[in-house]
Amino acid sequence: MMGDFFFFIPLLTILFYLVVLGFAVYAVVTGLKLAKERNAQLKAIAEELRRRP
């Protein structure tokens, strides 16, 4: 019975690292999307300021 439990410990470790890696990828992708949106808004503001006399 205890041998079965020790079989799951490495699987849980791998699963934990996959979850952490997945969260890291999600955070980077979300950050890049937000940065792209912010740059588009700043570009629109700069264009509006250039058009003013």
C-alpha atoms as a PDB file:
ATOM      1  CA  MET A   1       0.000   0.000   0.000  1.00  0.00           C
ATOM      2  CA  MET A   2       2.792   2.449   0.848  1.00  0.00           C
ATOM      3  CA  GLY A   3       4.600   1.623  -2.409  1.00  0.00           C
ATOM      4  CA  ASP A   4       1.627   2.940  -4.350  1.00  0.00           C
ATOM      5  CA  PHE A   5       1.772   6.225  -2.455  1.00  0.00           C
ATOM      6  CA  PHE A   6       5.467   6.738  -3.212  1.00  0.00           C
ATOM      7  CA  PHE A   7       4.718   6.210  -6.899  1.00  0.00           C
ATOM      8  CA  PHE A   8       2.527   9.340  -6.921  1.00  0.00           C
ATOM      9  CA  ILE A   9       5.049  11.712  -5.325  1.00  0.00           C
ATOM     10  CA  PRO A  10       7.143  12.191  -8.510  1.00  0.00           C
ATOM     11  CA  LEU A  11       3.958  12.583 -10.553  1.00  0.00           C
ATOM     12  CA  LEU A  12       2.712  15.279  -8.191  1.00  0.00           C
ATOM     13  CA  THR A  13       6.063  17.052  -8.429  1.00  0.00           C
ATOM     14  CA  ILE A  14       5.948  17.027 -12.224  1.00  0.00           C
ATOM     15  CA  LEU A  15       2.334  18.221 -12.163  1.00  0.00           C
ATOM     16  CA  PHE A  16       3.276  21.045  -9.783  1.00  0.00           C
ATOM     17  CA  TYR A  17       6.069  22.225 -12.085  1.00  0.00           C
ATOM     18  CA  LEU A  18       3.758  22.051 -15.106  1.00  0.00           C
ATOM     19  CA  VAL A  19       1.195  24.197 -13.294  1.00  0.00           C
ATOM     20  CA  VAL A  20       3.875  26.740 -12.359  1.00  0.00           C
ATOM     21  CA  LEU A  21       5.192  26.766 -15.925  1.00  0.00           C
ATOM     22  CA  GLY A  22       1.671  27.189 -17.292  1.00  0.00           C
ATOM     23  CA  PHE A  23       1.000  30.099 -14.965  1.00  0.00           C
ATOM     24  CA  ALA A  24       4.282  31.739 -15.975  1.00  0.00           C
ATOM     25  CA  VAL A  25       3.425  31.436 -19.669  1.00  0.00           C
ATOM     26  CA  TYR A  26      -0.064  32.819 -19.001  1.00  0.00           C
ATOM     27  CA  ALA A  27       1.392  35.779 -17.078  1.00  0.00           C
ATOM     28  CA  VAL A  28       3.874  36.604 -19.850  1.00  0.00           C
ATOM     29  CA  VAL A  29       1.243  36.375 -22.601  1.00  0.00           C
ATOM     30  CA  THR A  30      -1.183  38.522 -20.608  1.00  0.00           C
ATOM     31  CA  GLY A  31       1.538  41.073 -19.914  1.00  0.00           C
ATOM     32  CA  LEU A  32       2.449  41.275 -23.584  1.00  0.00           C
ATOM     33  CA  LYS A  33      -1.196  41.757 -24.576  1.00  0.00           C
ATOM     34  CA  LEU A  34      -1.618  44.541 -22.022  1.00  0.00           C
ATOM     35  CA  ALA A  35       1.595  46.232 -23.170  1.00  0.00           C
ATOM     36  CA  LYS A  36       0.454  46.074 -26.797  1.00  0.00           C
ATOM     37  CA  GLU A  37      -2.902  47.604 -25.891  1.00  0.00           C
ATOM     38  CA  ARG A  38      -1.230  50.340 -23.841  1.00  0.00           C
ATOM     39  CA  ASN A  39       1.110  51.169 -26.731  1.00  0.00           C
ATOM     40  CA  ALA A  40      -1.832  51.424 -29.125  1.00  0.00           C
ATOM     41  CA  GLN A  41      -3.593  53.837 -26.765  1.00  0.00           C
ATOM     42  CA  LEU A  42      -0.448  55.921 -26.346  1.00  0.00           C
ATOM     43  CA  LYS A  43      -0.004  56.029 -30.118  1.00  0.00           C
ATOM     44  CA  ALA A  44      -3.587  57.287 -30.500  1.00  0.00           C
ATOM     45  CA  ILE A  45      -2.969  59.981 -27.896  1.00  0.00           C
ATOM     46  CA  ALA A  46       0.255  61.049 -29.642  1.00  0.00           C
ATOM     47  CA  GLU A  47      -1.567  61.297 -32.977  1.00  0.00           C
ATOM     48  CA  GLU A  48      -4.279  63.421 -31.380  1.00  0.00           C
ATOM     49  CA  LEU A  49      -1.678  65.756 -29.879  1.00  0.00           C
ATOM     50  CA  ARG A  50       0.099  66.096 -33.251  1.00  0.00           C
ATOM     51  CA  ARG A  51      -3.142  67.153 -34.948  1.00  0.00           C
ATOM     52  CA  ARG A  52      -3.766  69.996 -32.503  1.00  0.00           C
ATOM     53  CA  PRO A  53      -2.555  73.435 -33.630  1.00  0.00           C
END
